[in-house]
Structures are given as structure tokens and as C-alpha cells.
PDB file of N, CA and C in Angstrom:
ATOM      1  N   MET A   1       3.358   5.044  19.304  1.00  0.00           N
ATOM      2  CA  MET A   1       2.736   3.758  19.501  1.00  0.00           C
ATOM      3  C   MET A   1       2.238   3.674  20.943  1.00  0.00           C
ATOM      4  N   GLU A   2       1.013   3.244  21.086  1.00  0.00           N
ATOM      5  CA  GLU A   2       0.400   3.068  22.396  1.00  0.00           C
ATOM      6  C   GLU A   2       0.127   1.578  22.605  1.00  0.00           C
ATOM      7  N   ILE A   3       0.245   1.120  23.839  1.00  0.00           N
ATOM      8  CA  ILE A   3      -0.036  -0.271  24.185  1.00  0.00           C
ATOM      9  C   ILE A   3      -1.043  -0.284  25.324  1.00  0.00           C
ATOM     10  N   PHE A   4      -2.079  -1.129  25.168  1.00  0.00           N
ATOM     11  CA  PHE A   4      -3.125  -1.234  26.177  1.00  0.00           C
ATOM     12  C   PHE A   4      -3.298  -2.687  26.577  1.00  0.00           C
ATOM     13  N   LYS A   5      -3.765  -2.915  27.798  1.00  0.00           N
ATOM     14  CA  LYS A   5      -3.897  -4.289  28.306  1.00  0.00           C
ATOM     15  C   LYS A   5      -5.106  -5.012  27.737  1.00  0.00           C
ATOM     16  N   ASP A   6      -6.097  -4.262  27.252  1.00  0.00           N
ATOM     17  CA  ASP A   6      -7.284  -4.896  26.676  1.00  0.00           C
ATOM     18  C   ASP A   6      -8.057  -3.902  25.816  1.00  0.00           C
ATOM     19  N   GLY A   7      -9.128  -4.401  25.203  1.00  0.00           N
ATOM     20  CA  GLY A   7      -9.927  -3.583  24.303  1.00  0.00           C
ATOM     21  C   GLY A   7     -10.654  -2.440  24.984  1.00  0.00           C
ATOM     22  N   VAL A   8     -10.984  -2.598  26.252  1.00  0.00           N
ATOM     23  CA  VAL A   8     -11.670  -1.522  26.984  1.00  0.00           C
ATOM     24  C   VAL A   8     -10.758  -0.300  27.075  1.00  0.00           C
ATOM     25  N   ASP A   9      -9.513  -0.531  27.452  1.00  0.00           N
ATOM     26  CA  ASP A   9      -8.558   0.581  27.538  1.00  0.00           C
ATOM     27  C   ASP A   9      -8.295   1.184  26.162  1.00  0.00           C
ATOM     28  N   ALA A  10      -8.227   0.341  25.146  1.00  0.00           N
ATOM     29  CA  ALA A  10      -8.020   0.848  23.779  1.00  0.00           C
ATOM     30  C   ALA A  10      -9.199   1.714  23.346  1.00  0.00           C
ATOM     31  N   MET A  11     -10.419   1.263  23.633  1.00  0.00           N
ATOM     32  CA  MET A  11     -11.604   2.054  23.273  1.00  0.00           C
ATOM     33  C   MET A  11     -11.618   3.391  24.009  1.00  0.00           C
ATOM     34  N   ALA A  12     -11.214   3.404  25.269  1.00  0.00           N
ATOM     35  CA  ALA A  12     -11.164   4.654  26.034  1.00  0.00           C
ATOM     36  C   ALA A  12     -10.190   5.623  25.375  1.00  0.00           C
ATOM     37  N   PHE A  13      -9.058   5.120  24.935  1.00  0.00           N
ATOM     38  CA  PHE A  13      -8.064   5.935  24.233  1.00  0.00           C
ATOM     39  C   PHE A  13      -8.657   6.517  22.950  1.00  0.00           C
ATOM     40  N   LEU A  14      -9.353   5.679  22.190  1.00  0.00           N
ATOM     41  CA  LEU A  14      -9.968   6.133  20.939  1.00  0.00           C
ATOM     42  C   LEU A  14     -11.046   7.174  21.209  1.00  0.00           C
ATOM     43  N   GLN A  15     -11.841   6.970  22.218  1.00  0.00           N
ATOM     44  CA  GLN A  15     -12.934   7.889  22.524  1.00  0.00           C
ATOM     45  C   GLN A  15     -12.453   9.234  23.038  1.00  0.00           C
ATOM     46  N   GLN A  16     -11.164   9.319  23.357  1.00  0.00           N
ATOM     47  CA  GLN A  16     -10.568  10.602  23.739  1.00  0.00           C
ATOM     48  C   GLN A  16     -10.131  11.390  22.502  1.00  0.00           C
ATOM     49  N   GLY A  17     -10.433  10.866  21.320  1.00  0.00           N
ATOM     50  CA  GLY A  17     -10.119  11.580  20.085  1.00  0.00           C
ATOM     51  C   GLY A  17      -8.864  11.100  19.388  1.00  0.00           C
ATOM     52  N   ASN A  18      -8.269  10.045  19.865  1.00  0.00           N
ATOM     53  CA  ASN A  18      -7.061   9.494  19.255  1.00  0.00           C
ATOM     54  C   ASN A  18      -7.454   8.487  18.171  1.00  0.00           C
ATOM     55  N   VAL A  19      -6.943   8.682  16.962  1.00  0.00           N
ATOM     56  CA  VAL A  19      -7.258   7.773  15.863  1.00  0.00           C
ATOM     57  C   VAL A  19      -5.938   7.268  15.280  1.00  0.00           C
ATOM     58  N   PRO A  20      -5.578   6.018  15.572  1.00  0.00           N
ATOM     59  CA  PRO A  20      -4.307   5.473  15.072  1.00  0.00           C
ATOM     60  C   PRO A  20      -4.409   5.089  13.593  1.00  0.00           C
ATOM     61  N   ASP A  21      -3.259   4.921  12.974  1.00  0.00           N
ATOM     62  CA  ASP A  21      -3.221   4.469  11.580  1.00  0.00           C
ATOM     63  C   ASP A  21      -3.652   3.014  11.474  1.00  0.00           C
ATOM     64  N   LEU A  22      -3.415   2.235  12.538  1.00  0.00           N
ATOM     65  CA  LEU A  22      -3.675   0.804  12.506  1.00  0.00           C
ATOM     66  C   LEU A  22      -3.741   0.282  13.936  1.00  0.00           C
ATOM     67  N   ILE A  23      -4.515  -0.783  14.155  1.00  0.00           N
ATOM     68  CA  ILE A  23      -4.596  -1.418  15.472  1.00  0.00           C
ATOM     69  C   ILE A  23      -4.140  -2.865  15.332  1.00  0.00           C
ATOM     70  N   ILE A  24      -3.247  -3.268  16.230  1.00  0.00           N
ATOM     71  CA  ILE A  24      -2.855  -4.672  16.355  1.00  0.00           C
ATOM     72  C   ILE A  24      -3.417  -5.123  17.689  1.00  0.00           C
ATOM     73  N   SER A  25      -4.254  -6.153  17.657  1.00  0.00           N
ATOM     74  CA  SER A  25      -4.908  -6.604  18.885  1.00  0.00           C
ATOM     75  C   SER A  25      -4.724  -8.098  19.083  1.00  0.00           C
ATOM     76  N   ASP A  26      -4.457  -8.478  20.320  1.00  0.00           N
ATOM     77  CA  ASP A  26      -4.433  -9.889  20.661  1.00  0.00           C
ATOM     78  C   ASP A  26      -5.873 -10.367  20.746  1.00  0.00           C
ATOM     79  N   LEU A  27      -6.113 -11.572  20.315  1.00  0.00           N
ATOM     80  CA  LEU A  27      -7.464 -12.118  20.352  1.00  0.00           C
ATOM     81  C   LEU A  27      -7.952 -12.298  21.780  1.00  0.00           C
ATOM     82  N   ASN A  28      -7.072 -12.756  22.663  1.00  0.00           N
ATOM     83  CA  ASN A  28      -7.471 -13.105  24.032  1.00  0.00           C
ATOM     84  C   ASN A  28      -6.852 -12.172  25.053  1.00  0.00           C
ATOM     85  N   THR A  29      -7.489 -11.033  25.262  1.00  0.00           N
ATOM     86  CA  THR A  29      -7.071 -10.128  26.326  1.00  0.00           C
ATOM     87  C   THR A  29      -8.196 -10.070  27.350  1.00  0.00           C
ATOM     88  N   PRO A  30      -7.882  -9.673  28.581  1.00  0.00           N
ATOM     89  CA  PRO A  30      -8.928  -9.603  29.608  1.00  0.00           C
ATOM     90  C   PRO A  30     -10.022  -8.589  29.222  1.00  0.00           C
ATOM     91  N   VAL A  31     -11.172  -8.764  29.735  1.00  0.00           N
ATOM     92  CA  VAL A  31     -12.324  -7.875  29.618  1.00  0.00           C
ATOM     93  C   VAL A  31     -12.866  -7.796  28.181  1.00  0.00           C
ATOM     94  N   MET A  32     -12.107  -7.280  27.238  1.00  0.00           N
ATOM     95  CA  MET A  32     -12.541  -7.201  25.841  1.00  0.00           C
ATOM     96  C   MET A  32     -11.389  -7.627  24.947  1.00  0.00           C
ATOM     97  N   GLY A  33     -11.554  -8.754  24.271  1.00  0.00           N
ATOM     98  CA  GLY A  33     -10.510  -9.269  23.392  1.00  0.00           C
ATOM     99  C   GLY A  33     -10.597  -8.681  21.993  1.00  0.00           C
ATOM    100  N   GLY A  34      -9.744  -9.169  21.138  1.00  0.00           N
ATOM    101  CA  GLY A  34      -9.630  -8.639  19.780  1.00  0.00           C
ATOM    102  C   GLY A  34     -10.875  -8.797  18.934  1.00  0.00           C
ATOM    103  N   LEU A  35     -11.594  -9.894  19.074  1.00  0.00           N
ATOM    104  CA  LEU A  35     -12.809 -10.086  18.285  1.00  0.00           C
ATOM    105  C   LEU A  35     -13.881  -9.088  18.703  1.00  0.00           C
ATOM    106  N   ALA A  36     -14.099  -8.939  20.000  1.00  0.00           N
ATOM    107  CA  ALA A  36     -15.094  -7.972  20.495  1.00  0.00           C
ATOM    108  C   ALA A  36     -14.698  -6.544  20.127  1.00  0.00           C
ATOM    109  N   LEU A  37     -13.420  -6.223  20.224  1.00  0.00           N
ATOM    110  CA  LEU A  37     -12.938  -4.892  19.844  1.00  0.00           C
ATOM    111  C   LEU A  37     -13.190  -4.642  18.359  1.00  0.00           C
ATOM    112  N   THR A  38     -12.894  -5.641  17.535  1.00  0.00           N
ATOM    113  CA  THR A  38     -13.116  -5.502  16.098  1.00  0.00           C
ATOM    114  C   THR A  38     -14.591  -5.242  15.804  1.00  0.00           C
ATOM    115  N   LYS A  39     -15.462  -6.014  16.423  1.00  0.00           N
ATOM    116  CA  LYS A  39     -16.896  -5.829  16.199  1.00  0.00           C
ATOM    117  C   LYS A  39     -17.355  -4.437  16.621  1.00  0.00           C
ATOM    118  N   GLN A  40     -16.849  -3.965  17.755  1.00  0.00           N
ATOM    119  CA  GLN A  40     -17.241  -2.645  18.240  1.00  0.00           C
ATOM    120  C   GLN A  40     -16.734  -1.547  17.306  1.00  0.00           C
ATOM    121  N   LEU A  41     -15.502  -1.683  16.834  1.00  0.00           N
ATOM    122  CA  LEU A  41     -14.954  -0.668  15.935  1.00  0.00           C
ATOM    123  C   LEU A  41     -15.677  -0.652  14.591  1.00  0.00           C
ATOM    124  N   ARG A  42     -16.005  -1.825  14.077  1.00  0.00           N
ATOM    125  CA  ARG A  42     -16.689  -1.894  12.779  1.00  0.00           C
ATOM    126  C   ARG A  42     -18.123  -1.386  12.864  1.00  0.00           C
ATOM    127  N   ALA A  43     -18.715  -1.422  14.064  1.00  0.00           N
ATOM    128  CA  ALA A  43     -20.072  -0.904  14.252  1.00  0.00           C
ATOM    129  C   ALA A  43     -20.089   0.614  14.421  1.00  0.00           C
ATOM    130  N   SER A  44     -18.922   1.206  14.600  1.00  0.00           N
ATOM    131  CA  SER A  44     -18.802   2.644  14.832  1.00  0.00           C
ATOM    132  C   SER A  44     -18.703   3.400  13.509  1.00  0.00           C
ATOM    133  N   ASP A  45     -19.420   4.495  13.411  1.00  0.00           N
ATOM    134  CA  ASP A  45     -19.303   5.341  12.215  1.00  0.00           C
ATOM    135  C   ASP A  45     -17.969   6.076  12.181  1.00  0.00           C
ATOM    136  N   PHE A  46     -17.378   6.299  13.343  1.00  0.00           N
ATOM    137  CA  PHE A  46     -16.152   7.091  13.410  1.00  0.00           C
ATOM    138  C   PHE A  46     -14.879   6.246  13.307  1.00  0.00           C
ATOM    139  N   PHE A  47     -14.893   5.041  13.880  1.00  0.00           N
ATOM    140  CA  PHE A  47     -13.684   4.224  13.935  1.00  0.00           C
ATOM    141  C   PHE A  47     -13.672   3.060  12.951  1.00  0.00           C
ATOM    142  N   ASN A  48     -14.697   2.892  12.145  1.00  0.00           N
ATOM    143  CA  ASN A  48     -14.829   1.684  11.333  1.00  0.00           C
ATOM    144  C   ASN A  48     -13.799   1.544  10.213  1.00  0.00           C
ATOM    145  N   ALA A  49     -13.072   2.587   9.883  1.00  0.00           N
ATOM    146  CA  ALA A  49     -12.082   2.500   8.804  1.00  0.00           C
ATOM    147  C   ALA A  49     -10.672   2.183   9.302  1.00  0.00           C
ATOM    148  N   ILE A  50     -10.473   2.115  10.612  1.00  0.00           N
ATOM    149  CA  ILE A  50      -9.136   1.825  11.146  1.00  0.00           C
ATOM    150  C   ILE A  50      -8.797   0.364  10.845  1.00  0.00           C
ATOM    151  N   PRO A  51      -7.682   0.115  10.172  1.00  0.00           N
ATOM    152  CA  PRO A  51      -7.285  -1.278   9.904  1.00  0.00           C
ATOM    153  C   PRO A  51      -6.961  -2.015  11.202  1.00  0.00           C
ATOM    154  N   ILE A  52      -7.308  -3.309  11.233  1.00  0.00           N
ATOM    155  CA  ILE A  52      -7.097  -4.125  12.428  1.00  0.00           C
ATOM    156  C   ILE A  52      -6.417  -5.431  12.038  1.00  0.00           C
ATOM    157  N   ILE A  53      -5.343  -5.750  12.756  1.00  0.00           N
ATOM    158  CA  ILE A  53      -4.677  -7.039  12.611  1.00  0.00           C
ATOM    159  C   ILE A  53      -4.816  -7.765  13.945  1.00  0.00           C
ATOM    160  N   ILE A  54      -5.295  -8.990  13.899  1.00  0.00           N
ATOM    161  CA  ILE A  54      -5.474  -9.802  15.101  1.00  0.00           C
ATOM    162  C   ILE A  54      -4.288 -10.758  15.232  1.00  0.00           C
ATOM    163  N   LEU A  55      -3.727 -10.839  16.437  1.00  0.00           N
ATOM    164  CA  LEU A  55      -2.679 -11.804  16.756  1.00  0.00           C
ATOM    165  C   LEU A  55      -3.262 -12.822  17.729  1.00  0.00           C
ATOM    166  N   SER A  56      -2.955 -14.109  17.510  1.00  0.00           N
ATOM    167  CA  SER A  56      -3.497 -15.114  18.418  1.00  0.00           C
ATOM    168  C   SER A  56      -2.746 -16.427  18.316  1.00  0.00           C
ATOM    169  N   GLY A  57      -2.761 -17.163  19.404  1.00  0.00           N
ATOM    170  CA  GLY A  57      -2.249 -18.527  19.397  1.00  0.00           C
ATOM    171  C   GLY A  57      -3.295 -19.499  18.864  1.00  0.00           C
ATOM    172  N   GLU A  58      -4.518 -19.016  18.682  1.00  0.00           N
ATOM    173  CA  GLU A  58      -5.628 -19.819  18.163  1.00  0.00           C
ATOM    174  C   GLU A  58      -5.506 -19.910  16.650  1.00  0.00           C
ATOM    175  N   GLU A  59      -5.276 -21.117  16.155  1.00  0.00           N
ATOM    176  CA  GLU A  59      -5.073 -21.262  14.716  1.00  0.00           C
ATOM    177  C   GLU A  59      -6.188 -22.021  14.008  1.00  0.00           C
ATOM    178  N   SER A  60      -7.338 -22.119  14.654  1.00  0.00           N
ATOM    179  CA  SER A  60      -8.446 -22.822  14.005  1.00  0.00           C
ATOM    180  C   SER A  60      -9.017 -21.960  12.873  1.00  0.00           C
ATOM    181  N   SER A  61      -9.363 -22.612  11.796  1.00  0.00           N
ATOM    182  CA  SER A  61      -9.950 -21.911  10.658  1.00  0.00           C
ATOM    183  C   SER A  61     -11.222 -21.186  11.061  1.00  0.00           C
ATOM    184  N   GLU A  62     -11.998 -21.791  11.952  1.00  0.00           N
ATOM    185  CA  GLU A  62     -13.251 -21.178  12.378  1.00  0.00           C
ATOM    186  C   GLU A  62     -13.011 -19.817  13.032  1.00  0.00           C
ATOM    187  N   MET A  63     -12.009 -19.736  13.900  1.00  0.00           N
ATOM    188  CA  MET A  63     -11.735 -18.474  14.588  1.00  0.00           C
ATOM    189  C   MET A  63     -11.179 -17.440  13.609  1.00  0.00           C
ATOM    190  N   ILE A  64     -10.299 -17.863  12.731  1.00  0.00           N
ATOM    191  CA  ILE A  64      -9.741 -16.944  11.745  1.00  0.00           C
ATOM    192  C   ILE A  64     -10.865 -16.370  10.887  1.00  0.00           C
ATOM    193  N   ILE A  65     -11.746 -17.237  10.408  1.00  0.00           N
ATOM    194  CA  ILE A  65     -12.875 -16.794   9.583  1.00  0.00           C
ATOM    195  C   ILE A  65     -13.782 -15.852  10.367  1.00  0.00           C
ATOM    196  N   GLN A  66     -14.047 -16.187  11.622  1.00  0.00           N
ATOM    197  CA  GLN A  66     -14.907 -15.345  12.457  1.00  0.00           C
ATOM    198  C   GLN A  66     -14.319 -13.933  12.598  1.00  0.00           C
ATOM    199  N   CYS A  67     -13.013 -13.850  12.829  1.00  0.00           N
ATOM    200  CA  CYS A  67     -12.366 -12.534  12.977  1.00  0.00           C
ATOM    201  C   CYS A  67     -12.380 -11.755  11.663  1.00  0.00           C
ATOM    202  N   LEU A  68     -12.073 -12.438  10.569  1.00  0.00           N
ATOM    203  CA  LEU A  68     -12.067 -11.756   9.277  1.00  0.00           C
ATOM    204  C   LEU A  68     -13.471 -11.300   8.889  1.00  0.00           C
ATOM    205  N   GLU A  69     -14.466 -12.127   9.146  1.00  0.00           N
ATOM    206  CA  GLU A  69     -15.844 -11.743   8.828  1.00  0.00           C
ATOM    207  C   GLU A  69     -16.347 -10.622   9.739  1.00  0.00           C
ATOM    208  N   ALA A  70     -15.783 -10.512  10.936  1.00  0.00           N
ATOM    209  CA  ALA A  70     -16.153  -9.424  11.846  1.00  0.00           C
ATOM    210  C   ALA A  70     -15.528  -8.101  11.408  1.00  0.00           C
ATOM    211  N   GLY A  71     -14.529  -8.185  10.501  1.00  0.00           N
ATOM    212  CA  GLY A  71     -13.940  -6.952   9.994  1.00  0.00           C
ATOM    213  C   GLY A  71     -12.447  -6.803  10.154  1.00  0.00           C
ATOM    214  N   ALA A  72     -11.780  -7.805  10.735  1.00  0.00           N
ATOM    215  CA  ALA A  72     -10.322  -7.730  10.841  1.00  0.00           C
ATOM    216  C   ALA A  72      -9.722  -7.743   9.438  1.00  0.00           C
ATOM    217  N   ASP A  73      -8.664  -6.993   9.248  1.00  0.00           N
ATOM    218  CA  ASP A  73      -8.003  -6.934   7.943  1.00  0.00           C
ATOM    219  C   ASP A  73      -7.006  -8.061   7.750  1.00  0.00           C
ATOM    220  N   ASP A  74      -6.519  -8.613   8.851  1.00  0.00           N
ATOM    221  CA  ASP A  74      -5.579  -9.734   8.770  1.00  0.00           C
ATOM    222  C   ASP A  74      -5.571 -10.442  10.111  1.00  0.00           C
ATOM    223  N   TYR A  75      -5.003 -11.644  10.113  1.00  0.00           N
ATOM    224  CA  TYR A  75      -4.943 -12.492  11.301  1.00  0.00           C
ATOM    225  C   TYR A  75      -3.619 -13.227  11.239  1.00  0.00           C
ATOM    226  N   LEU A  76      -2.854 -13.153  12.308  1.00  0.00           N
ATOM    227  CA  LEU A  76      -1.545 -13.775  12.340  1.00  0.00           C
ATOM    228  C   LEU A  76      -1.449 -14.674  13.567  1.00  0.00           C
ATOM    229  N   VAL A  77      -1.047 -15.934  13.344  1.00  0.00           N
ATOM    230  CA  VAL A  77      -0.962 -16.921  14.414  1.00  0.00           C
ATOM    231  C   VAL A  77       0.388 -16.813  15.123  1.00  0.00           C
ATOM    232  N   LYS A  78       0.340 -16.813  16.471  1.00  0.00           N
ATOM    233  CA  LYS A  78       1.558 -16.805  17.291  1.00  0.00           C
ATOM    234  C   LYS A  78       2.042 -18.237  17.477  1.00  0.00           C
ATOM    235  N   PRO A  79       3.323 -18.456  17.599  1.00  0.00           N
ATOM    236  CA  PRO A  79       4.390 -17.469  17.430  1.00  0.00           C
ATOM    237  C   PRO A  79       4.540 -17.124  15.951  1.00  0.00           C
ATOM    238  N   PHE A  80       4.993 -15.910  15.711  1.00  0.00           N
ATOM    239  CA  PHE A  80       5.145 -15.453  14.338  1.00  0.00           C
ATOM    240  C   PHE A  80       6.501 -14.782  14.172  1.00  0.00           C
ATOM    241  N   ASN A  81       6.916 -14.677  12.937  1.00  0.00           N
ATOM    242  CA  ASN A  81       8.155 -13.999  12.602  1.00  0.00           C
ATOM    243  C   ASN A  81       7.867 -12.491  12.582  1.00  0.00           C
ATOM    244  N   PRO A  82       8.590 -11.701  13.365  1.00  0.00           N
ATOM    245  CA  PRO A  82       8.348 -10.256  13.380  1.00  0.00           C
ATOM    246  C   PRO A  82       8.443  -9.621  11.988  1.00  0.00           C
ATOM    247  N   LYS A  83       9.295 -10.165  11.127  1.00  0.00           N
ATOM    248  CA  LYS A  83       9.396  -9.624   9.769  1.00  0.00           C
ATOM    249  C   LYS A  83       8.114  -9.880   8.986  1.00  0.00           C
ATOM    250  N   GLU A  84       7.440 -10.999   9.272  1.00  0.00           N
ATOM    251  CA  GLU A  84       6.157 -11.262   8.622  1.00  0.00           C
ATOM    252  C   GLU A  84       5.116 -10.247   9.090  1.00  0.00           C
ATOM    253  N   LEU A  85       5.107  -9.933  10.386  1.00  0.00           N
ATOM    254  CA  LEU A  85       4.185  -8.922  10.890  1.00  0.00           C
ATOM    255  C   LEU A  85       4.465  -7.581  10.221  1.00  0.00           C
ATOM    256  N   GLU A  86       5.730  -7.202  10.110  1.00  0.00           N
ATOM    257  CA  GLU A  86       6.086  -5.947   9.431  1.00  0.00           C
ATOM    258  C   GLU A  86       5.582  -5.936   7.999  1.00  0.00           C
ATOM    259  N   ALA A  87       5.756  -7.039   7.287  1.00  0.00           N
ATOM    260  CA  ALA A  87       5.297  -7.123   5.901  1.00  0.00           C
ATOM    261  C   ALA A  87       3.780  -6.980   5.828  1.00  0.00           C
ATOM    262  N   ARG A  88       3.065  -7.626   6.724  1.00  0.00           N
ATOM    263  CA  ARG A  88       1.604  -7.538   6.736  1.00  0.00           C
ATOM    264  C   ARG A  88       1.150  -6.116   7.074  1.00  0.00           C
ATOM    265  N   LEU A  89       1.857  -5.457   7.985  1.00  0.00           N
ATOM    266  CA  LEU A  89       1.551  -4.062   8.314  1.00  0.00           C
ATOM    267  C   LEU A  89       1.692  -3.185   7.075  1.00  0.00           C
ATOM    268  N   ARG A  90       2.788  -3.354   6.363  1.00  0.00           N
ATOM    269  CA  ARG A  90       3.007  -2.560   5.143  1.00  0.00           C
ATOM    270  C   ARG A  90       1.905  -2.799   4.114  1.00  0.00           C
ATOM    271  N   VAL A  91       1.496  -4.057   3.955  1.00  0.00           N
ATOM    272  CA  VAL A  91       0.443  -4.374   2.979  1.00  0.00           C
ATOM    273  C   VAL A  91      -0.868  -3.696   3.366  1.00  0.00           C
ATOM    274  N   VAL A  92      -1.256  -3.810   4.617  1.00  0.00           N
ATOM    275  CA  VAL A  92      -2.514  -3.218   5.057  1.00  0.00           C
ATOM    276  C   VAL A  92      -2.470  -1.703   4.919  1.00  0.00           C
ATOM    277  N   LEU A  93      -1.374  -1.081   5.343  1.00  0.00           N
ATOM    278  CA  LEU A  93      -1.267   0.371   5.247  1.00  0.00           C
ATOM    279  C   LEU A  93      -1.205   0.835   3.800  1.00  0.00           C
ATOM    280  N   ARG A  94      -0.541   0.085   2.947  1.00  0.00           N
ATOM    281  CA  ARG A  94      -0.483   0.439   1.524  1.00  0.00           C
ATOM    282  C   ARG A  94      -1.881   0.383   0.909  1.00  0.00           C
ATOM    283  N   ARG A  95      -2.647  -0.621   1.290  1.00  0.00           N
ATOM    284  CA  ARG A  95      -3.995  -0.802   0.769  1.00  0.00           C
ATOM    285  C   ARG A  95      -4.900   0.356   1.171  1.00  0.00           C
ATOM    286  N   ILE A  96      -4.808   0.831   2.401  1.00  0.00           N
ATOM    287  CA  ILE A  96      -5.709   1.906   2.854  1.00  0.00           C
ATOM    288  C   ILE A  96      -5.271   3.274   2.350  1.00  0.00           C
ATOM    289  N   ARG A  97      -4.021   3.427   2.004  1.00  0.00           N
ATOM    290  CA  ARG A  97      -3.529   4.740   1.553  1.00  0.00           C
ATOM    291  C   ARG A  97      -3.770   4.979   0.071  1.00  0.00           C
ATOM    292  N   LYS A  98      -4.239   3.964  -0.639  1.00  0.00           N
ATOM    293  CA  LYS A  98      -4.521   4.142  -2.070  1.00  0.00           C
ATOM    294  C   LYS A  98      -5.794   4.877  -2.304  1.00  0.00           C
TER     295      LYS A  98
END
């Protein structure tokens, strides 16, 4: 598991040839947040299949819809139950492995 401070650092990691099974991104990180990262990954021919879960304190329907329409596989509002995040991770990974 790798942790990065923002989407720019995450993209640099990916561009070095690292392809994770799944990305969990905070919506509001410095420089490049989760929505911008999602859009960039979905526009890529190489990284567009990586599942993405967005975490955020923003619980407006508009933002959730915007992230999902940009290509996020799930969206979880903070604070959240870690067991719920684990369950959502399993669902997303099960879906892509079929």
C-alpha cells in the first residue's frame, strides 16, 4: 500500500509503471484532488480501468454525482465506519475480478 499527499504524487507513481488494484482518494487534497485525479485516470488509455473510491467530508448529492459521473466507482462520506470501507473495497474488487 502506498500513500501520497495528493493526486500529482499519485500520478507520478503510476507513470513510473506502478498499477495498483484500487485507488482510494480524498476529494480535497492539495494541488490535485480526487475529482481531478479521477478525470485524469479515466481519460488515460492505460490507467482507466483502475477502480477508484472517493472519500470526502462533502456530502452534497451534486458532488457525489459529479464524482460518480467522472468515473469514480464509489463515494464514501467522512467520517465513516472502517468496516464499511472494507466492505465497499471488497465489492469493487469482486466486481472487477469477474
